[in-house]
Structure formats: structure tokens, C-alpha cells
């Protein structure tokens, strides 16, 4: 019961969100680094496809891409405003996924106590 599809999907989502937050943090840390290119992480499509195909959600892969946004004078293309917004969105998504995991384990704990 603890190793079911929903837990695997949530684990995959948490992994992808963690990778995204790391990329955002790296982008923000390098906002003034000459010729640094911002990165983005996408995993939702791969996770959705794995679930639709009946594959193990943990087989979903996150894809890292470099931004093609126009660079500034120093060759850096990090948009601090966008990175800040993306960071807040990612943090909220991560907290939501953690809540879902917590709720799932609470249900399991309740079922075990009632048995």
C-alpha cells in the first residue's frame, strides 16, 4: 500500500520540483555572472505520459533546457523577476505535493489503527 502509484507519482513530482528549484537557485545566484545562460526544468509532460501509458512514474525524466532569451550587455540572460516568480510557484507546488504525501500517509496510518 505504501508503494502504490500515487506515492510514486508524488515522489516523481517532488524530484522534478526539487530539480527545478535548484536550477532557479543557480540562475538567481548567477544573475551577474557574464555569459551565464538561465536554465529551466520540465518534468510534467514526462510524468503525465508515464501515467497515461501505465509506466512507473519514477521512470519520468526531468529535462533541463537553456534559455534562448536575449542576453544583456554582459551576455547573461537571467531575468530576475521571472526567476523570483518561478521560485514562488515552484515552492507552492512543492508544498502542495508534500501535503498530498502527508495526507496519503495519514490515511494509511488511520487504516492501520482501525484494523
Protein backbone atom coordinates (compact mmCIF):
# COMPACT_ATOMS: atom_id res chain seq x y z
CA UNK A 1 0.00 0.00 0.00
CA UNK A 2 2.86 2.38 0.72
CA UNK A 3 4.43 1.67 -2.66
CA UNK A 4 1.39 2.47 -4.77
CA UNK A 5 1.02 4.54 -7.92
CA UNK A 6 0.02 7.75 -6.14
CA UNK A 7 3.07 7.73 -3.88
CA UNK A 8 5.37 7.03 -6.85
CA UNK A 9 3.77 9.85 -8.84
CA UNK A 10 4.14 12.25 -5.92
CA UNK A 11 7.76 11.20 -5.43
CA UNK A 12 8.48 11.83 -9.10
CA UNK A 13 6.79 15.23 -8.90
CA UNK A 14 8.77 16.16 -5.79
CA UNK A 15 12.00 15.13 -7.51
CA UNK A 16 11.17 17.24 -10.57
CA UNK A 17 10.19 20.24 -8.45
CA UNK A 18 13.39 19.90 -6.45
CA UNK A 19 15.46 19.91 -9.65
CA UNK A 20 13.53 22.96 -10.88
CA UNK A 21 14.13 24.83 -7.62
CA UNK A 22 17.86 24.01 -7.83
CA UNK A 23 18.03 25.40 -11.38
CA UNK A 24 16.19 28.56 -10.31
CA UNK A 25 18.52 28.99 -7.34
CA UNK A 26 21.54 28.58 -9.61
CA UNK A 27 20.11 31.14 -12.04
CA UNK A 28 19.50 33.67 -9.27
CA UNK A 29 22.97 33.08 -7.80
CA UNK A 30 24.49 33.75 -11.23
CA UNK A 31 22.41 36.79 -12.14
CA UNK A 32 25.59 38.88 -12.54
CA UNK A 33 27.86 36.18 -13.99
CA UNK A 34 28.95 37.15 -17.51
CA UNK A 35 27.66 34.83 -20.27
CA UNK A 36 25.65 32.70 -17.87
CA UNK A 37 22.57 31.19 -19.52
CA UNK A 38 19.42 30.64 -17.49
CA UNK A 39 18.04 27.12 -17.26
CA UNK A 40 14.59 25.66 -16.90
CA UNK A 41 13.43 22.21 -15.83
CA UNK A 42 10.38 20.46 -17.25
CA UNK A 43 9.09 17.15 -15.94
CA UNK A 44 5.30 17.41 -16.04
CA UNK A 45 4.94 16.12 -19.61
CA UNK A 46 7.13 13.10 -18.96
CA UNK A 47 5.27 12.30 -15.74
CA UNK A 48 1.90 12.69 -17.44
CA UNK A 49 2.99 10.41 -20.28
CA UNK A 50 4.30 7.77 -17.88
CA UNK A 51 0.99 7.77 -16.02
CA UNK A 52 -1.05 7.66 -19.23
CA UNK A 53 0.99 4.72 -20.56
CA UNK A 54 0.77 2.80 -17.30
CA UNK A 55 4.53 3.08 -16.78
CA UNK A 56 6.24 3.55 -13.44
CA UNK A 57 6.01 7.28 -12.63
CA UNK A 58 9.54 7.10 -11.27
CA UNK A 59 10.71 6.46 -14.84
CA UNK A 60 9.67 10.01 -15.79
CA UNK A 61 12.64 12.21 -16.59
CA UNK A 62 13.18 15.87 -15.97
CA UNK A 63 14.56 17.81 -18.94
CA UNK A 64 16.90 20.75 -18.45
CA UNK A 65 16.98 23.36 -21.18
CA UNK A 66 18.95 26.56 -21.56
CA UNK A 67 17.11 29.78 -22.18
CA UNK A 68 17.37 31.42 -25.57
CA UNK A 69 16.23 34.76 -24.15
CA UNK A 70 18.11 37.80 -25.36
CA UNK A 71 21.17 38.36 -23.15
CA UNK A 72 22.07 41.66 -21.55
CA UNK A 73 25.28 43.62 -22.10
CA UNK A 74 27.34 41.07 -20.17
CA UNK A 75 25.91 38.11 -22.11
CA UNK A 76 23.79 36.94 -19.16
CA UNK A 77 20.13 36.19 -19.87
CA UNK A 78 18.78 35.62 -16.34
CA UNK A 79 15.53 37.52 -15.76
CA UNK A 80 15.50 38.04 -12.00
CA UNK A 81 11.81 38.97 -11.89
CA UNK A 82 10.77 35.83 -13.76
CA UNK A 83 13.07 33.64 -11.68
CA UNK A 84 11.55 35.04 -8.48
CA UNK A 85 8.02 34.32 -9.70
CA UNK A 86 9.03 30.83 -10.86
CA UNK A 87 10.64 30.18 -7.49
CA UNK A 88 7.45 31.12 -5.62
CA UNK A 89 5.33 28.93 -7.93
CA UNK A 90 7.69 26.00 -7.51
CA UNK A 91 7.73 26.39 -3.75
CA UNK A 92 3.92 26.38 -3.60
CA UNK A 93 3.74 23.33 -5.86
CA UNK A 94 6.29 21.53 -3.71
CA UNK A 95 4.33 22.33 -0.55
CA UNK A 96 1.13 21.07 -2.18
CA UNK A 97 2.79 17.80 -3.19
CA UNK A 98 4.20 17.38 0.32
CA UNK A 99 0.73 17.93 1.73
CA UNK A 100 -0.63 15.25 -0.59
CA UNK A 101 2.05 12.81 0.61
CA UNK A 102 1.28 13.66 4.22
CA UNK A 103 -2.45 13.15 3.67
CA UNK A 104 -1.81 9.83 1.95
CA UNK A 105 0.25 8.57 4.89
CA UNK A 106 -2.35 9.86 7.35
CA UNK A 107 -4.97 7.75 5.59
CA UNK A 108 -2.69 4.73 5.75
CA UNK A 109 -1.98 5.34 9.44
CA UNK A 110 -5.73 5.62 10.13
CA UNK A 111 -6.41 2.39 8.27
CA UNK A 112 -3.72 0.56 10.24
CA UNK A 113 -5.04 1.83 13.60
CA UNK A 114 -8.56 0.76 12.66
CA UNK A 115 -7.52 -2.75 11.67
